Amino acid sequence: MRVGVAEFAALTGSPDVQVIDVRTPEEFAAGHIPGAVNIPIRTPDFPTRIAALDPAGTYAVYCRSGNRSQPAVAAMRDAGIGTIYELGAGTRGWVSEGHPLVR
């Protein structure tokens, strides 16, 4: 489900939600949402890393603008993961609404 920045921020504060950044490692290193792990969608091991996730878990997924997170969420659903929240505005929207990125 695509959500706005406020709802995504609330989700990232929950210890039961794993935050996943699907941008490149370089983008991740330059600044990411606190608590996120980097699983870049454009790497060959993306399907393997997604398959290793707990299908019963809850995930919050984002990229820079929402373009890469859409296929990432689709791949996660195909891997059997049921509860996925996608930040529609990406890090651009996150920052524009005053939330920090960390290094």
C-alpha atoms as a PDB file:
ATOM      1  CA  MET A   1       0.000   0.000   0.000  1.00  0.00           C
ATOM      2  CA  ARG A   2       1.351   3.435  -0.943  1.00  0.00           C
ATOM      3  CA  VAL A   3       1.294   5.855   1.964  1.00  0.00           C
ATOM      4  CA  GLY A   4       2.189   9.466   2.609  1.00  0.00           C
ATOM      5  CA  VAL A   5       5.106  10.787   4.595  1.00  0.00           C
ATOM      6  CA  ALA A   6       3.248  11.146   7.905  1.00  0.00           C
ATOM      7  CA  GLU A   7       1.998   7.556   7.891  1.00  0.00           C
ATOM      8  CA  PHE A   8       5.386   6.253   6.750  1.00  0.00           C
ATOM      9  CA  ALA A   9       7.119   8.177   9.552  1.00  0.00           C
ATOM     10  CA  ALA A  10       4.767   6.586  12.086  1.00  0.00           C
ATOM     11  CA  LEU A  11       5.523   3.142  10.658  1.00  0.00           C
ATOM     12  CA  THR A  12       9.288   3.639  10.836  1.00  0.00           C
ATOM     13  CA  GLY A  13       8.978   4.321  14.546  1.00  0.00           C
ATOM     14  CA  SER A  14       7.607   0.858  15.207  1.00  0.00           C
ATOM     15  CA  PRO A  15      10.072  -1.861  16.244  1.00  0.00           C
ATOM     16  CA  ASP A  16       7.895  -4.388  14.372  1.00  0.00           C
ATOM     17  CA  VAL A  17       8.468  -2.714  10.984  1.00  0.00           C
ATOM     18  CA  GLN A  18      11.621  -3.271   8.937  1.00  0.00           C
ATOM     19  CA  VAL A  19      12.484  -0.254   6.791  1.00  0.00           C
ATOM     20  CA  ILE A  20      14.016  -1.105   3.410  1.00  0.00           C
ATOM     21  CA  ASP A  21      15.789   1.362   1.115  1.00  0.00           C
ATOM     22  CA  VAL A  22      15.919   0.030  -2.463  1.00  0.00           C
ATOM     23  CA  ARG A  23      18.207   2.769  -3.831  1.00  0.00           C
ATOM     24  CA  THR A  24      21.849   2.278  -4.785  1.00  0.00           C
ATOM     25  CA  PRO A  25      24.484   1.777  -2.077  1.00  0.00           C
ATOM     26  CA  GLU A  26      25.897   5.199  -2.978  1.00  0.00           C
ATOM     27  CA  GLU A  27      22.528   6.893  -2.499  1.00  0.00           C
ATOM     28  CA  PHE A  28      22.029   5.010   0.766  1.00  0.00           C
ATOM     29  CA  ALA A  29      25.468   6.118   2.045  1.00  0.00           C
ATOM     30  CA  ALA A  30      24.694   9.742   1.173  1.00  0.00           C
ATOM     31  CA  GLY A  31      21.656   9.697   3.456  1.00  0.00           C
ATOM     32  CA  HIS A  32      18.829   7.328   4.350  1.00  0.00           C
ATOM     33  CA  ILE A  33      15.798   7.128   6.605  1.00  0.00           C
ATOM     34  CA  PRO A  34      16.874   6.190  10.154  1.00  0.00           C
ATOM     35  CA  GLY A  35      16.816   2.440  10.796  1.00  0.00           C
ATOM     36  CA  ALA A  36      16.715   1.464   7.122  1.00  0.00           C
ATOM     37  CA  VAL A  37      18.599  -1.417   5.568  1.00  0.00           C
ATOM     38  CA  ASN A  38      19.786  -1.186   1.982  1.00  0.00           C
ATOM     39  CA  ILE A  39      18.535  -3.830  -0.444  1.00  0.00           C
ATOM     40  CA  PRO A  40      19.188  -2.237  -3.859  1.00  0.00           C
ATOM     41  CA  ILE A  41      16.627  -3.272  -6.457  1.00  0.00           C
ATOM     42  CA  ARG A  42      19.098  -3.004  -9.335  1.00  0.00           C
ATOM     43  CA  THR A  43      21.549  -5.612  -8.039  1.00  0.00           C
ATOM     44  CA  PRO A  44      21.604  -9.268  -9.106  1.00  0.00           C
ATOM     45  CA  ASP A  45      21.052 -10.512  -5.552  1.00  0.00           C
ATOM     46  CA  PHE A  46      17.858  -8.507  -4.977  1.00  0.00           C
ATOM     47  CA  PRO A  47      15.533 -11.520  -5.505  1.00  0.00           C
ATOM     48  CA  THR A  48      17.642 -13.662  -3.171  1.00  0.00           C
ATOM     49  CA  ARG A  49      17.682 -11.024  -0.447  1.00  0.00           C
ATOM     50  CA  ILE A  50      13.920 -10.486  -0.741  1.00  0.00           C
ATOM     51  CA  ALA A  51      13.307 -14.241  -0.581  1.00  0.00           C
ATOM     52  CA  ALA A  52      15.229 -14.335   2.713  1.00  0.00           C
ATOM     53  CA  LEU A  53      12.821 -11.885   4.371  1.00  0.00           C
ATOM     54  CA  ASP A  54      10.169 -13.174   6.770  1.00  0.00           C
ATOM     55  CA  PRO A  55       6.938 -13.299   4.738  1.00  0.00           C
ATOM     56  CA  ALA A  56       4.960 -12.672   7.937  1.00  0.00           C
ATOM     57  CA  GLY A  57       6.900  -9.472   8.676  1.00  0.00           C
ATOM     58  CA  THR A  58       5.852  -5.885   8.093  1.00  0.00           C
ATOM     59  CA  TYR A  59       7.982  -3.814   5.736  1.00  0.00           C
ATOM     60  CA  ALA A  60       8.240  -0.118   4.882  1.00  0.00           C
ATOM     61  CA  VAL A  61       9.898   0.355   1.479  1.00  0.00           C
ATOM     62  CA  TYR A  62      11.181   3.506  -0.182  1.00  0.00           C
ATOM     63  CA  CYS A  63      13.439   4.939  -2.879  1.00  0.00           C
ATOM     64  CA  ARG A  64      14.142   8.498  -4.031  1.00  0.00           C
ATOM     65  CA  SER A  65      10.871   9.309  -5.765  1.00  0.00           C
ATOM     66  CA  GLY A  66       8.691   6.199  -5.744  1.00  0.00           C
ATOM     67  CA  ASN A  67       9.736   4.823  -9.149  1.00  0.00           C
ATOM     68  CA  ARG A  68      12.030   2.026  -7.944  1.00  0.00           C
ATOM     69  CA  SER A  69       9.971   1.149  -4.895  1.00  0.00           C
ATOM     70  CA  GLN A  70       6.980   0.119  -7.049  1.00  0.00           C
ATOM     71  CA  PRO A  71       8.740  -2.818  -8.769  1.00  0.00           C
ATOM     72  CA  ALA A  72      10.471  -3.681  -5.479  1.00  0.00           C
ATOM     73  CA  VAL A  73       7.099  -3.960  -3.730  1.00  0.00           C
ATOM     74  CA  ALA A  74       5.750  -6.063  -6.622  1.00  0.00           C
ATOM     75  CA  ALA A  75       8.740  -8.433  -6.300  1.00  0.00           C
ATOM     76  CA  MET A  76       8.209  -8.654  -2.557  1.00  0.00           C
ATOM     77  CA  ARG A  77       4.552  -9.512  -3.054  1.00  0.00           C
ATOM     78  CA  ASP A  78       5.551 -12.164  -5.598  1.00  0.00           C
ATOM     79  CA  ALA A  79       7.912 -13.583  -2.933  1.00  0.00           C
ATOM     80  CA  GLY A  80       4.926 -14.047  -0.615  1.00  0.00           C
ATOM     81  CA  ILE A  81       5.314 -10.994   1.605  1.00  0.00           C
ATOM     82  CA  GLY A  82       1.908  -9.658   2.532  1.00  0.00           C
ATOM     83  CA  THR A  83       2.341  -6.507   4.602  1.00  0.00           C
ATOM     84  CA  ILE A  84       4.256  -3.826   2.718  1.00  0.00           C
ATOM     85  CA  TYR A  85       3.949  -0.072   2.970  1.00  0.00           C
ATOM     86  CA  GLU A  86       5.527   2.037   0.249  1.00  0.00           C
ATOM     87  CA  LEU A  87       6.535   5.675   0.653  1.00  0.00           C
ATOM     88  CA  GLY A  88       4.928   7.182  -2.442  1.00  0.00           C
ATOM     89  CA  ALA A  89       6.934  10.424  -2.281  1.00  0.00           C
ATOM     90  CA  GLY A  90      10.290   8.748  -1.615  1.00  0.00           C
ATOM     91  CA  THR A  91      13.147  10.517   0.127  1.00  0.00           C
ATOM     92  CA  ARG A  92      12.329  13.688  -1.787  1.00  0.00           C
ATOM     93  CA  GLY A  93       8.956  13.885  -0.060  1.00  0.00           C
ATOM     94  CA  TRP A  94      10.448  12.730   3.254  1.00  0.00           C
ATOM     95  CA  VAL A  95      12.957  15.604   3.294  1.00  0.00           C
ATOM     96  CA  SER A  96      10.491  18.171   1.948  1.00  0.00           C
ATOM     97  CA  GLU A  97       8.262  17.475   4.951  1.00  0.00           C
ATOM     98  CA  GLY A  98      11.111  18.114   7.374  1.00  0.00           C
ATOM     99  CA  HIS A  99      12.252  14.586   8.200  1.00  0.00           C
ATOM    100  CA  PRO A 100      15.989  13.870   8.415  1.00  0.00           C
ATOM    101  CA  LEU A 101      18.153  11.485   6.461  1.00  0.00           C
ATOM    102  CA  VAL A 102      21.090   9.961   8.341  1.00  0.00           C
ATOM    103  CA  ARG A 103      24.484   8.728   7.215  1.00  0.00           C
END
